[in-house]
Amino acid sequence: MKEVYFHVGLGKTGSKYLQFVFFPKLKGIYYIHFSKYKKSKEIIKRKNFKKFLVSREFDRQFEDEINWFSKDFPDAKPIMVLRRHDSWILSQFKRFIKNGY
């Protein structure tokens, strides 16, 4: 049976560091980069590995994406990184001011 980990990257919590530096170096886990997220279900079904890690950042479509992925992999284990709430809220506010919501 395949073991699937699903990194739900919230904005401004270090997701890019994990995706570019940490996750690619994990041993014994097939890492599916966020750029291949839409093909991730197909990749997991096709590849002959036991463990997979899918990573994707979510801000607005969080619930829809979780539902989409969990239809095929209901036992996937979520990974979510948080940061101090006051710091995170301030960072998100600044980002929304700069980029718009």
PDB file of N, CA and C in Angstrom:
ATOM      1  N   MET A   1       0.837  -1.187   0.000  1.00  0.00           N
ATOM      2  CA  MET A   1       0.000   0.000   0.000  1.00  0.00           C
ATOM      3  C   MET A   1       0.880   1.249   0.000  1.00  0.00           C
ATOM      4  N   LYS A   2       0.493   2.229  -0.766  1.00  0.00           N
ATOM      5  CA  LYS A   2       1.271   3.459  -0.862  1.00  0.00           C
ATOM      6  C   LYS A   2       0.927   4.401   0.290  1.00  0.00           C
ATOM      7  N   GLU A   3       1.959   5.049   0.801  1.00  0.00           N
ATOM      8  CA  GLU A   3       1.800   6.018   1.879  1.00  0.00           C
ATOM      9  C   GLU A   3       1.990   7.409   1.278  1.00  0.00           C
ATOM     10  N   VAL A   4       0.989   8.265   1.463  1.00  0.00           N
ATOM     11  CA  VAL A   4       1.010   9.587   0.847  1.00  0.00           C
ATOM     12  C   VAL A   4       0.957  10.659   1.930  1.00  0.00           C
ATOM     13  N   TYR A   5       1.874  11.609   1.828  1.00  0.00           N
ATOM     14  CA  TYR A   5       1.902  12.780   2.706  1.00  0.00           C
ATOM     15  C   TYR A   5       1.544  13.986   1.851  1.00  0.00           C
ATOM     16  N   PHE A   6       0.706  14.842   2.396  1.00  0.00           N
ATOM     17  CA  PHE A   6       0.210  15.988   1.643  1.00  0.00           C
ATOM     18  C   PHE A   6       0.538  17.258   2.407  1.00  0.00           C
ATOM     19  N   HIS A   7       1.553  17.992   1.911  1.00  0.00           N
ATOM     20  CA  HIS A   7       1.942  19.252   2.544  1.00  0.00           C
ATOM     21  C   HIS A   7       1.017  20.350   2.055  1.00  0.00           C
ATOM     22  N   VAL A   8       0.260  20.899   2.996  1.00  0.00           N
ATOM     23  CA  VAL A   8      -0.666  21.986   2.716  1.00  0.00           C
ATOM     24  C   VAL A   8       0.053  23.267   3.103  1.00  0.00           C
ATOM     25  N   GLY A   9       0.676  23.903   2.147  1.00  0.00           N
ATOM     26  CA  GLY A   9       1.495  25.068   2.446  1.00  0.00           C
ATOM     27  C   GLY A   9       0.675  26.338   2.563  1.00  0.00           C
ATOM     28  N   LEU A  10       0.584  26.850   3.757  1.00  0.00           N
ATOM     29  CA  LEU A  10      -0.055  28.147   3.939  1.00  0.00           C
ATOM     30  C   LEU A  10       0.954  29.231   3.589  1.00  0.00           C
ATOM     31  N   GLY A  11       0.489  30.302   2.970  1.00  0.00           N
ATOM     32  CA  GLY A  11       1.377  31.393   2.598  1.00  0.00           C
ATOM     33  C   GLY A  11       2.085  31.998   3.795  1.00  0.00           C
ATOM     34  N   LYS A  12       3.325  32.364   3.593  1.00  0.00           N
ATOM     35  CA  LYS A  12       4.130  33.043   4.614  1.00  0.00           C
ATOM     36  C   LYS A  12       4.431  32.165   5.831  1.00  0.00           C
ATOM     37  N   THR A  13       4.624  30.854   5.584  1.00  0.00           N
ATOM     38  CA  THR A  13       4.990  29.952   6.684  1.00  0.00           C
ATOM     39  C   THR A  13       6.251  29.145   6.371  1.00  0.00           C
ATOM     40  N   GLY A  14       7.002  29.564   5.365  1.00  0.00           N
ATOM     41  CA  GLY A  14       8.239  28.869   5.023  1.00  0.00           C
ATOM     42  C   GLY A  14       8.070  27.767   3.994  1.00  0.00           C
ATOM     43  N   SER A  15       6.955  27.741   3.294  1.00  0.00           N
ATOM     44  CA  SER A  15       6.692  26.679   2.321  1.00  0.00           C
ATOM     45  C   SER A  15       7.723  26.629   1.205  1.00  0.00           C
ATOM     46  N   LYS A  16       8.117  27.782   0.686  1.00  0.00           N
ATOM     47  CA  LYS A  16       9.096  27.794  -0.414  1.00  0.00           C
ATOM     48  C   LYS A  16      10.414  27.153   0.015  1.00  0.00           C
ATOM     49  N   TYR A  17      10.862  27.435   1.222  1.00  0.00           N
ATOM     50  CA  TYR A  17      12.090  26.814   1.730  1.00  0.00           C
ATOM     51  C   TYR A  17      11.928  25.301   1.764  1.00  0.00           C
ATOM     52  N   LEU A  18      10.821  24.832   2.312  1.00  0.00           N
ATOM     53  CA  LEU A  18      10.586  23.391   2.379  1.00  0.00           C
ATOM     54  C   LEU A  18      10.555  22.782   0.986  1.00  0.00           C
ATOM     55  N   GLN A  19       9.878  23.449   0.046  1.00  0.00           N
ATOM     56  CA  GLN A  19       9.710  22.921  -1.302  1.00  0.00           C
ATOM     57  C   GLN A  19      10.997  22.897  -2.119  1.00  0.00           C
ATOM     58  N   PHE A  20      11.873  23.857  -1.902  1.00  0.00           N
ATOM     59  CA  PHE A  20      13.083  23.940  -2.723  1.00  0.00           C
ATOM     60  C   PHE A  20      14.333  23.394  -2.043  1.00  0.00           C
ATOM     61  N   VAL A  21      14.368  23.386  -0.714  1.00  0.00           N
ATOM     62  CA  VAL A  21      15.581  22.981  -0.004  1.00  0.00           C
ATOM     63  C   VAL A  21      15.400  21.677   0.772  1.00  0.00           C
ATOM     64  N   PHE A  22      14.361  21.591   1.564  1.00  0.00           N
ATOM     65  CA  PHE A  22      14.213  20.463   2.488  1.00  0.00           C
ATOM     66  C   PHE A  22      13.593  19.221   1.839  1.00  0.00           C
ATOM     67  N   PHE A  23      12.419  19.349   1.249  1.00  0.00           N
ATOM     68  CA  PHE A  23      11.713  18.192   0.697  1.00  0.00           C
ATOM     69  C   PHE A  23      12.514  17.434  -0.364  1.00  0.00           C
ATOM     70  N   PRO A  24      13.193  18.102  -1.300  1.00  0.00           N
ATOM     71  CA  PRO A  24      13.934  17.356  -2.321  1.00  0.00           C
ATOM     72  C   PRO A  24      15.054  16.473  -1.760  1.00  0.00           C
ATOM     73  N   LYS A  25      15.499  16.748  -0.543  1.00  0.00           N
ATOM     74  CA  LYS A  25      16.600  15.977   0.044  1.00  0.00           C
ATOM     75  C   LYS A  25      16.131  14.787   0.878  1.00  0.00           C
ATOM     76  N   LEU A  26      14.841  14.616   1.037  1.00  0.00           N
ATOM     77  CA  LEU A  26      14.336  13.501   1.832  1.00  0.00           C
ATOM     78  C   LEU A  26      14.655  12.180   1.146  1.00  0.00           C
ATOM     79  N   LYS A  27      15.083  11.220   1.914  1.00  0.00           N
ATOM     80  CA  LYS A  27      15.438   9.897   1.386  1.00  0.00           C
ATOM     81  C   LYS A  27      14.243   8.951   1.518  1.00  0.00           C
ATOM     82  N   GLY A  28      14.043   8.120   0.515  1.00  0.00           N
ATOM     83  CA  GLY A  28      13.005   7.101   0.566  1.00  0.00           C
ATOM     84  C   GLY A  28      11.595   7.617   0.324  1.00  0.00           C
ATOM     85  N   ILE A  29      11.484   8.871  -0.095  1.00  0.00           N
ATOM     86  CA  ILE A  29      10.176   9.460  -0.376  1.00  0.00           C
ATOM     87  C   ILE A  29      10.228  10.101  -1.760  1.00  0.00           C
ATOM     88  N   TYR A  30       9.253   9.778  -2.592  1.00  0.00           N
ATOM     89  CA  TYR A  30       9.172  10.394  -3.910  1.00  0.00           C
ATOM     90  C   TYR A  30       8.483  11.742  -3.742  1.00  0.00           C
ATOM     91  N   TYR A  31       9.233  12.808  -3.930  1.00  0.00           N
ATOM     92  CA  TYR A  31       8.713  14.161  -3.738  1.00  0.00           C
ATOM     93  C   TYR A  31       8.119  14.683  -5.037  1.00  0.00           C
ATOM     94  N   ILE A  32       6.866  15.112  -4.973  1.00  0.00           N
ATOM     95  CA  ILE A  32       6.192  15.699  -6.125  1.00  0.00           C
ATOM     96  C   ILE A  32       6.123  17.205  -5.908  1.00  0.00           C
ATOM     97  N   HIS A  33       6.915  17.919  -6.666  1.00  0.00           N
ATOM     98  CA  HIS A  33       7.035  19.376  -6.561  1.00  0.00           C
ATOM     99  C   HIS A  33       5.697  20.038  -6.883  1.00  0.00           C
ATOM    100  N   PHE A  34       5.477  21.211  -6.301  1.00  0.00           N
ATOM    101  CA  PHE A  34       4.198  21.907  -6.509  1.00  0.00           C
ATOM    102  C   PHE A  34       3.912  22.207  -7.976  1.00  0.00           C
ATOM    103  N   SER A  35       4.949  22.296  -8.801  1.00  0.00           N
ATOM    104  CA  SER A  35       4.735  22.560 -10.228  1.00  0.00           C
ATOM    105  C   SER A  35       4.080  21.368 -10.932  1.00  0.00           C
ATOM    106  N   LYS A  36       4.114  20.195 -10.297  1.00  0.00           N
ATOM    107  CA  LYS A  36       3.494  18.996 -10.872  1.00  0.00           C
ATOM    108  C   LYS A  36       2.257  18.573 -10.078  1.00  0.00           C
ATOM    109  N   TYR A  37       1.740  19.484  -9.282  1.00  0.00           N
ATOM    110  CA  TYR A  37       0.621  19.166  -8.398  1.00  0.00           C
ATOM    111  C   TYR A  37      -0.585  18.603  -9.144  1.00  0.00           C
ATOM    112  N   LYS A  38      -0.984  19.219 -10.243  1.00  0.00           N
ATOM    113  CA  LYS A  38      -2.181  18.766 -10.968  1.00  0.00           C
ATOM    114  C   LYS A  38      -2.015  17.357 -11.531  1.00  0.00           C
ATOM    115  N   LYS A  39      -0.782  16.911 -11.705  1.00  0.00           N
ATOM    116  CA  LYS A  39      -0.522  15.555 -12.190  1.00  0.00           C
ATOM    117  C   LYS A  39      -0.167  14.605 -11.049  1.00  0.00           C
ATOM    118  N   SER A  40      -0.222  15.085  -9.817  1.00  0.00           N
ATOM    119  CA  SER A  40       0.262  14.297  -8.678  1.00  0.00           C
ATOM    120  C   SER A  40      -0.493  12.986  -8.494  1.00  0.00           C
ATOM    121  N   LYS A  41      -1.799  12.984  -8.662  1.00  0.00           N
ATOM    122  CA  LYS A  41      -2.567  11.747  -8.477  1.00  0.00           C
ATOM    123  C   LYS A  41      -2.152  10.704  -9.512  1.00  0.00           C
ATOM    124  N   GLU A  42      -1.974  11.150 -10.729  1.00  0.00           N
ATOM    125  CA  GLU A  42      -1.530  10.265 -11.812  1.00  0.00           C
ATOM    126  C   GLU A  42      -0.118   9.726 -11.528  1.00  0.00           C
ATOM    127  N   ILE A  43       0.767  10.586 -11.054  1.00  0.00           N
ATOM    128  CA  ILE A  43       2.146  10.189 -10.744  1.00  0.00           C
ATOM    129  C   ILE A  43       2.162   9.138  -9.643  1.00  0.00           C
ATOM    130  N   ILE A  44       1.393   9.343  -8.587  1.00  0.00           N
ATOM    131  CA  ILE A  44       1.358   8.398  -7.469  1.00  0.00           C
ATOM    132  C   ILE A  44       0.851   7.037  -7.931  1.00  0.00           C
ATOM    133  N   LYS A  45      -0.169   7.031  -8.744  1.00  0.00           N
ATOM    134  CA  LYS A  45      -0.733   5.764  -9.227  1.00  0.00           C
ATOM    135  C   LYS A  45       0.230   5.034 -10.152  1.00  0.00           C
ATOM    136  N   ARG A  46       1.023   5.782 -10.910  1.00  0.00           N
ATOM    137  CA  ARG A  46       1.907   5.215 -11.927  1.00  0.00           C
ATOM    138  C   ARG A  46       3.261   4.765 -11.383  1.00  0.00           C
ATOM    139  N   LYS A  47       3.827   5.512 -10.445  1.00  0.00           N
ATOM    140  CA  LYS A  47       5.184   5.240  -9.963  1.00  0.00           C
ATOM    141  C   LYS A  47       5.206   4.072  -8.987  1.00  0.00           C
ATOM    142  N   ASN A  48       6.290   3.332  -9.015  1.00  0.00           N
ATOM    143  CA  ASN A  48       6.459   2.170  -8.149  1.00  0.00           C
ATOM    144  C   ASN A  48       7.270   2.552  -6.907  1.00  0.00           C
ATOM    145  N   PHE A  49       6.729   3.433  -6.105  1.00  0.00           N
ATOM    146  CA  PHE A  49       7.336   3.845  -4.840  1.00  0.00           C
ATOM    147  C   PHE A  49       6.339   3.557  -3.733  1.00  0.00           C
ATOM    148  N   LYS A  50       6.850   3.454  -2.509  1.00  0.00           N
ATOM    149  CA  LYS A  50       5.962   3.207  -1.367  1.00  0.00           C
ATOM    150  C   LYS A  50       5.507   4.493  -0.698  1.00  0.00           C
ATOM    151  N   LYS A  51       6.371   5.526  -0.701  1.00  0.00           N
ATOM    152  CA  LYS A  51       6.059   6.771  -0.005  1.00  0.00           C
ATOM    153  C   LYS A  51       6.153   7.955  -0.959  1.00  0.00           C
ATOM    154  N   PHE A  52       5.166   8.836  -0.853  1.00  0.00           N
ATOM    155  CA  PHE A  52       5.101  10.030  -1.686  1.00  0.00           C
ATOM    156  C   PHE A  52       4.848  11.250  -0.816  1.00  0.00           C
ATOM    157  N   LEU A  53       5.393  12.365  -1.253  1.00  0.00           N
ATOM    158  CA  LEU A  53       5.125  13.645  -0.608  1.00  0.00           C
ATOM    159  C   LEU A  53       4.692  14.629  -1.684  1.00  0.00           C
ATOM    160  N   VAL A  54       3.476  15.136  -1.549  1.00  0.00           N
ATOM    161  CA  VAL A  54       2.930  16.134  -2.463  1.00  0.00           C
ATOM    162  C   VAL A  54       2.920  17.460  -1.724  1.00  0.00           C
ATOM    163  N   SER A  55       3.402  18.510  -2.360  1.00  0.00           N
ATOM    164  CA  SER A  55       3.442  19.813  -1.707  1.00  0.00           C
ATOM    165  C   SER A  55       2.773  20.850  -2.587  1.00  0.00           C
ATOM    166  N   ARG A  56       1.982  21.690  -1.941  1.00  0.00           N
ATOM    167  CA  ARG A  56       1.272  22.734  -2.677  1.00  0.00           C
ATOM    168  C   ARG A  56       0.908  23.854  -1.708  1.00  0.00           C
ATOM    169  N   GLU A  57       1.044  25.086  -2.151  1.00  0.00           N
ATOM    170  CA  GLU A  57       0.629  26.230  -1.332  1.00  0.00           C
ATOM    171  C   GLU A  57      -0.828  26.550  -1.622  1.00  0.00           C
ATOM    172  N   PHE A  58      -1.546  26.853  -0.563  1.00  0.00           N
ATOM    173  CA  PHE A  58      -2.961  27.196  -0.696  1.00  0.00           C
ATOM    174  C   PHE A  58      -3.247  28.453   0.084  1.00  0.00           C
ATOM    175  N   ASP A  59      -4.027  29.323  -0.486  1.00  0.00           N
ATOM    176  CA  ASP A  59      -4.509  30.495   0.235  1.00  0.00           C
ATOM    177  C   ASP A  59      -6.029  30.568   0.171  1.00  0.00           C
ATOM    178  N   ARG A  60      -6.572  30.494  -1.020  1.00  0.00           N
ATOM    179  CA  ARG A  60      -8.018  30.722  -1.166  1.00  0.00           C
ATOM    180  C   ARG A  60      -8.816  29.454  -1.449  1.00  0.00           C
ATOM    181  N   GLN A  61      -8.291  28.559  -2.236  1.00  0.00           N
ATOM    182  CA  GLN A  61      -9.039  27.383  -2.675  1.00  0.00           C
ATOM    183  C   GLN A  61      -8.736  26.152  -1.818  1.00  0.00           C
ATOM    184  N   PHE A  62      -8.374  26.370  -0.592  1.00  0.00           N
ATOM    185  CA  PHE A  62      -7.920  25.334   0.328  1.00  0.00           C
ATOM    186  C   PHE A  62      -8.875  24.137   0.387  1.00  0.00           C
ATOM    187  N   GLU A  63     -10.128  24.364   0.712  1.00  0.00           N
ATOM    188  CA  GLU A  63     -11.096  23.276   0.888  1.00  0.00           C
ATOM    189  C   GLU A  63     -11.333  22.516  -0.412  1.00  0.00           C
ATOM    190  N   ASP A  64     -11.452  23.217  -1.523  1.00  0.00           N
ATOM    191  CA  ASP A  64     -11.671  22.559  -2.811  1.00  0.00           C
ATOM    192  C   ASP A  64     -10.516  21.635  -3.167  1.00  0.00           C
ATOM    193  N   GLU A  65      -9.296  22.089  -2.937  1.00  0.00           N
ATOM    194  CA  GLU A  65      -8.125  21.278  -3.277  1.00  0.00           C
ATOM    195  C   GLU A  65      -8.007  20.049  -2.379  1.00  0.00           C
ATOM    196  N   ILE A  66      -8.301  20.209  -1.099  1.00  0.00           N
ATOM    197  CA  ILE A  66      -8.269  19.060  -0.186  1.00  0.00           C
ATOM    198  C   ILE A  66      -9.299  18.028  -0.631  1.00  0.00           C
ATOM    199  N   ASN A  67     -10.482  18.463  -0.974  1.00  0.00           N
ATOM    200  CA  ASN A  67     -11.520  17.541  -1.453  1.00  0.00           C
ATOM    201  C   ASN A  67     -11.097  16.847  -2.738  1.00  0.00           C
ATOM    202  N   TRP A  68     -10.498  17.604  -3.672  1.00  0.00           N
ATOM    203  CA  TRP A  68     -10.042  17.031  -4.943  1.00  0.00           C
ATOM    204  C   TRP A  68      -9.013  15.929  -4.707  1.00  0.00           C
ATOM    205  N   PHE A  69      -8.041  16.203  -3.862  1.00  0.00           N
ATOM    206  CA  PHE A  69      -6.963  15.242  -3.632  1.00  0.00           C
ATOM    207  C   PHE A  69      -7.449  14.041  -2.826  1.00  0.00           C
ATOM    208  N   SER A  70      -8.272  14.269  -1.824  1.00  0.00           N
ATOM    209  CA  SER A  70      -8.680  13.188  -0.923  1.00  0.00           C
ATOM    210  C   SER A  70      -9.659  12.209  -1.560  1.00  0.00           C
ATOM    211  N   LYS A  71     -10.236  12.547  -2.693  1.00  0.00           N
ATOM    212  CA  LYS A  71     -11.108  11.592  -3.384  1.00  0.00           C
ATOM    213  C   LYS A  71     -10.336  10.338  -3.775  1.00  0.00           C
ATOM    214  N   ASP A  72      -9.096  10.510  -4.197  1.00  0.00           N
ATOM    215  CA  ASP A  72      -8.270   9.371  -4.594  1.00  0.00           C
ATOM    216  C   ASP A  72      -7.384   8.861  -3.466  1.00  0.00           C
ATOM    217  N   PHE A  73      -7.047   9.724  -2.525  1.00  0.00           N
ATOM    218  CA  PHE A  73      -6.136   9.350  -1.437  1.00  0.00           C
ATOM    219  C   PHE A  73      -6.701   9.805  -0.090  1.00  0.00           C
ATOM    220  N   PRO A  74      -7.793   9.156   0.354  1.00  0.00           N
ATOM    221  CA  PRO A  74      -8.434   9.583   1.605  1.00  0.00           C
ATOM    222  C   PRO A  74      -7.575   9.365   2.844  1.00  0.00           C
ATOM    223  N   ASP A  75      -6.587   8.486   2.757  1.00  0.00           N
ATOM    224  CA  ASP A  75      -5.722   8.210   3.907  1.00  0.00           C
ATOM    225  C   ASP A  75      -4.435   9.026   3.895  1.00  0.00           C
ATOM    226  N   ALA A  76      -4.325   9.978   2.980  1.00  0.00           N
ATOM    227  CA  ALA A  76      -3.122  10.822   2.930  1.00  0.00           C
ATOM    228  C   ALA A  76      -2.957  11.545   4.261  1.00  0.00           C
ATOM    229  N   LYS A  77      -1.714  11.636   4.685  1.00  0.00           N
ATOM    230  CA  LYS A  77      -1.407  12.291   5.958  1.00  0.00           C
ATOM    231  C   LYS A  77      -1.050  13.753   5.701  1.00  0.00           C
ATOM    232  N   PRO A  78      -1.786  14.681   6.297  1.00  0.00           N
ATOM    233  CA  PRO A  78      -1.505  16.096   6.056  1.00  0.00           C
ATOM    234  C   PRO A  78      -0.294  16.594   6.835  1.00  0.00           C
ATOM    235  N   ILE A  79       0.435  17.493   6.225  1.00  0.00           N
ATOM    236  CA  ILE A  79       1.537  18.203   6.883  1.00  0.00           C
ATOM    237  C   ILE A  79       1.217  19.688   6.736  1.00  0.00           C
ATOM    238  N   MET A  80       1.145  20.372   7.849  1.00  0.00           N
ATOM    239  CA  MET A  80       0.846  21.801   7.813  1.00  0.00           C
ATOM    240  C   MET A  80       1.808  22.519   8.746  1.00  0.00           C
ATOM    241  N   VAL A  81       2.456  23.541   8.230  1.00  0.00           N
ATOM    242  CA  VAL A  81       3.387  24.335   9.031  1.00  0.00           C
ATOM    243  C   VAL A  81       2.688  25.638   9.403  1.00  0.00           C
ATOM    244  N   LEU A  82       2.750  25.974  10.670  1.00  0.00           N
ATOM    245  CA  LEU A  82       2.155  27.212  11.165  1.00  0.00           C
ATOM    246  C   LEU A  82       3.249  28.113  11.709  1.00  0.00           C
ATOM    247  N   ARG A  83       2.922  29.363  11.899  1.00  0.00           N
ATOM    248  CA  ARG A  83       3.825  30.274  12.585  1.00  0.00           C
ATOM    249  C   ARG A  83       2.996  31.082  13.579  1.00  0.00           C
ATOM    250  N   ARG A  84       3.661  31.813  14.428  1.00  0.00           N
ATOM    251  CA  ARG A  84       2.928  32.596  15.429  1.00  0.00           C
ATOM    252  C   ARG A  84       1.827  33.396  14.756  1.00  0.00           C
ATOM    253  N   HIS A  85       0.646  33.338  15.313  1.00  0.00           N
ATOM    254  CA  HIS A  85      -0.519  33.953  14.680  1.00  0.00           C
ATOM    255  C   HIS A  85      -0.369  35.452  14.459  1.00  0.00           C
ATOM    256  N   ASP A  86       0.149  36.159  15.441  1.00  0.00           N
ATOM    257  CA  ASP A  86       0.279  37.612  15.287  1.00  0.00           C
ATOM    258  C   ASP A  86       1.231  37.966  14.152  1.00  0.00           C
ATOM    259  N   SER A  87       2.316  37.234  14.063  1.00  0.00           N
ATOM    260  CA  SER A  87       3.303  37.457  13.012  1.00  0.00           C
ATOM    261  C   SER A  87       2.730  37.084  11.640  1.00  0.00           C
ATOM    262  N   TRP A  88       2.001  35.972  11.588  1.00  0.00           N
ATOM    263  CA  TRP A  88       1.427  35.504  10.332  1.00  0.00           C
ATOM    264  C   TRP A  88       0.363  36.476   9.827  1.00  0.00           C
ATOM    265  N   ILE A  89      -0.512  36.931  10.707  1.00  0.00           N
ATOM    266  CA  ILE A  89      -1.577  37.858  10.314  1.00  0.00           C
ATOM    267  C   ILE A  89      -0.990  39.164   9.779  1.00  0.00           C
ATOM    268  N   LEU A  90       0.016  39.682  10.451  1.00  0.00           N
ATOM    269  CA  LEU A  90       0.662  40.912   9.990  1.00  0.00           C
ATOM    270  C   LEU A  90       1.299  40.711   8.614  1.00  0.00           C
ATOM    271  N   SER A  91       1.966  39.589   8.424  1.00  0.00           N
ATOM    272  CA  SER A  91       2.606  39.295   7.150  1.00  0.00           C
ATOM    273  C   SER A  91       1.571  39.169   6.031  1.00  0.00           C
ATOM    274  N   GLN A  92       0.478  38.482   6.302  1.00  0.00           N
ATOM    275  CA  GLN A  92      -0.586  38.342   5.306  1.00  0.00           C
ATOM    276  C   GLN A  92      -1.199  39.705   4.975  1.00  0.00           C
ATOM    277  N   PHE A  93      -1.419  40.514   5.984  1.00  0.00           N
ATOM    278  CA  PHE A  93      -1.987  41.847   5.784  1.00  0.00           C
ATOM    279  C   PHE A  93      -1.092  42.672   4.856  1.00  0.00           C
ATOM    280  N   LYS A  94       0.205  42.657   5.130  1.00  0.00           N
ATOM    281  CA  LYS A  94       1.152  43.408   4.293  1.00  0.00           C
ATOM    282  C   LYS A  94       1.146  42.897   2.854  1.00  0.00           C
ATOM    283  N   ARG A  95       1.048  41.591   2.698  1.00  0.00           N
ATOM    284  CA  ARG A  95       1.029  41.002   1.364  1.00  0.00           C
ATOM    285  C   ARG A  95      -0.241  41.412   0.618  1.00  0.00           C
ATOM    286  N   PHE A  96      -1.366  41.395   1.294  1.00  0.00           N
ATOM    287  CA  PHE A  96      -2.624  41.797   0.660  1.00  0.00           C
ATOM    288  C   PHE A  96      -2.604  43.271   0.266  1.00  0.00           C
ATOM    289  N   ILE A  97      -2.010  44.109   1.106  1.00  0.00           N
ATOM    290  CA  ILE A  97      -1.893  45.536   0.785  1.00  0.00           C
ATOM    291  C   ILE A  97      -1.026  45.713  -0.467  1.00  0.00           C
ATOM    292  N   LYS A  98       0.074  44.989  -0.516  1.00  0.00           N
ATOM    293  CA  LYS A  98       1.017  45.107  -1.629  1.00  0.00           C
ATOM    294  C   LYS A  98       0.447  44.535  -2.931  1.00  0.00           C
ATOM    295  N   ASN A  99      -0.137  43.343  -2.863  1.00  0.00           N
ATOM    296  CA  ASN A  99      -0.555  42.620  -4.065  1.00  0.00           C
ATOM    297  C   ASN A  99      -2.052  42.660  -4.343  1.00  0.00           C
ATOM    298  N   GLY A 100      -2.841  43.071  -3.375  1.00  0.00           N
ATOM    299  CA  GLY A 100      -4.291  42.985  -3.521  1.00  0.00           C
ATOM    300  C   GLY A 100      -4.771  41.603  -3.132  1.00  0.00           C
ATOM    301  N   TYR A 101      -6.028  41.502  -2.838  1.00  0.00           N
ATOM    302  CA  TYR A 101      -6.564  40.202  -2.408  1.00  0.00           C
ATOM    303  C   TYR A 101      -7.202  39.480  -3.528  1.00  0.00           C
TER     304      TYR A 101
END
